[in-house]
């Protein structure tokens, strides 16, 4: 049974199938192992007379213009993708080109199936607020047709005290424009080692590159390899892995006229082809007081999961990259919000069962995890994990946890870590902070409450949480009461790691 510390609010965010994006649609390719019917469809469009073409084009624009930003540009881009299917030199009217683009476009509702697993952080813009208020930004996991996950945004205001306002999101959705990023040699080498490539081969292929290099420099390095060397099987395998790491490292930019809640982080890299899941957002302040927003998220390609990292200053320009190291495996890695002793720290569940502490000098390569918390209570005997980044309090780092118990029911708990030495666990909450109520048990995945990141303001801890993988609710707890309850029980009993081997699984973090 949960404690009486967390009080639910009346707010509930439900998925909205009316918020849609445009995607390229090639008839035939939507079915597995089927062939494209692009040329056949284009031939039919070319056979229409100009009057019918104009009427059809006008009707499509009239029906769909209000649902998308700059729809005619989308049609032009999609026409350019399939234009090679048009045989011979032909001069097509602007209406016919646009109509062809429309036939190769479809709408996708990113949150038609579910909206859940939110994470909150202080918004970069705190202007225009009353005393005691804090504006927040919140990432949400959107799930649409085919169980494809993407990352959306919500905003709102906390305070004074427990006051909570969640803004209505923009009616439109926009995906950003992706482009190659500047690559980091250390990250490439570490990631290739994770993938099983030997140091001799990676040095042969990448050793001449600088610490930071571009896609063009990478291409030059690979094309300069001697043909005899390229014929080696292990070299070919490493080159394939290099391209995978490069594709997973990219920049994403949104038009400046778009609002934050209009922006959608849609899977771009092949490793994300089946989803970007469970972003854990944190406002990270460096020792020099500069601020970067990070979010760790799970990239899923249909067979394996990988922890990835996004970074942004303004939520308009994003940098996406993989993470490496033995602690950056499986799901649920969460960053501390500032360096400790000049080092980056994170919570990891690299072994799928326990909460571990790990540190790094660059925020992307994580090794040598140390187990902090193992399953010990009845409501968490299957596995434990974090529910987002630790929150700094005068008493220590407050960490929300999740545990899985009988009937695969999820519950939220809490633990407290020492500020100077986060490997020291000061206290844990013996009972769950939050468990599913009767009206929260039913959903896409039953019996689940799950958060990817709470936010502390005015001594009130606001916990956004997913409700059985279907919708989002909010609960709040007073920080002094929560800390008193945790510390009253004294330090937790120490348990040793259970020695589970690292591997991955698709599902909840």
Foldseek 3Di string as FASTA:
>chain_A
DADPFKFFDPDWFFADQLAKDKDFAFPQVVDPPTDGPLLVVLVVLVPDDPVVLQVVLVVVCVVCVVAEDPLQVQLLVNLVVSVVSDPDDDDDDSSSSSVSSVVRMDMWRQAPAFKFFKAKEFAPDPPPDDPQKTKIKMWIWGATPPRATWIFIWIWMQDDPGDTDTDDFDSYADEWDKDFDWDAPVQLQQVLVVVPQDPVLSCQQPVVPDRIGTPVVSVVSNVPDDPVVCPDPSNVVSVVVSVLQRLQWIKTFDDPVDDRRRYMHHDRGLQQCRYKANWFWEFAAEPVRDTKIKTWTWRHNPPAIWIKMWIDDNSGMIIIGGAGELQRAADAKAWARYDAPQWTKIWGPQLQAFIWIWIDNPVRYTYDTHGQDGDDAQQAPRGKHWQHYFDDDPVATKTKMWGAHPPRAIFIWIWGAHHNDRSFTWWTQRRTNDWDDPVLQDGPAGRYWGYNYWDDGNQKIKTWTGRRRHMIIIIIGRNVVNVCNGPVVTGDDDDHDPPRDGDYDPDDD
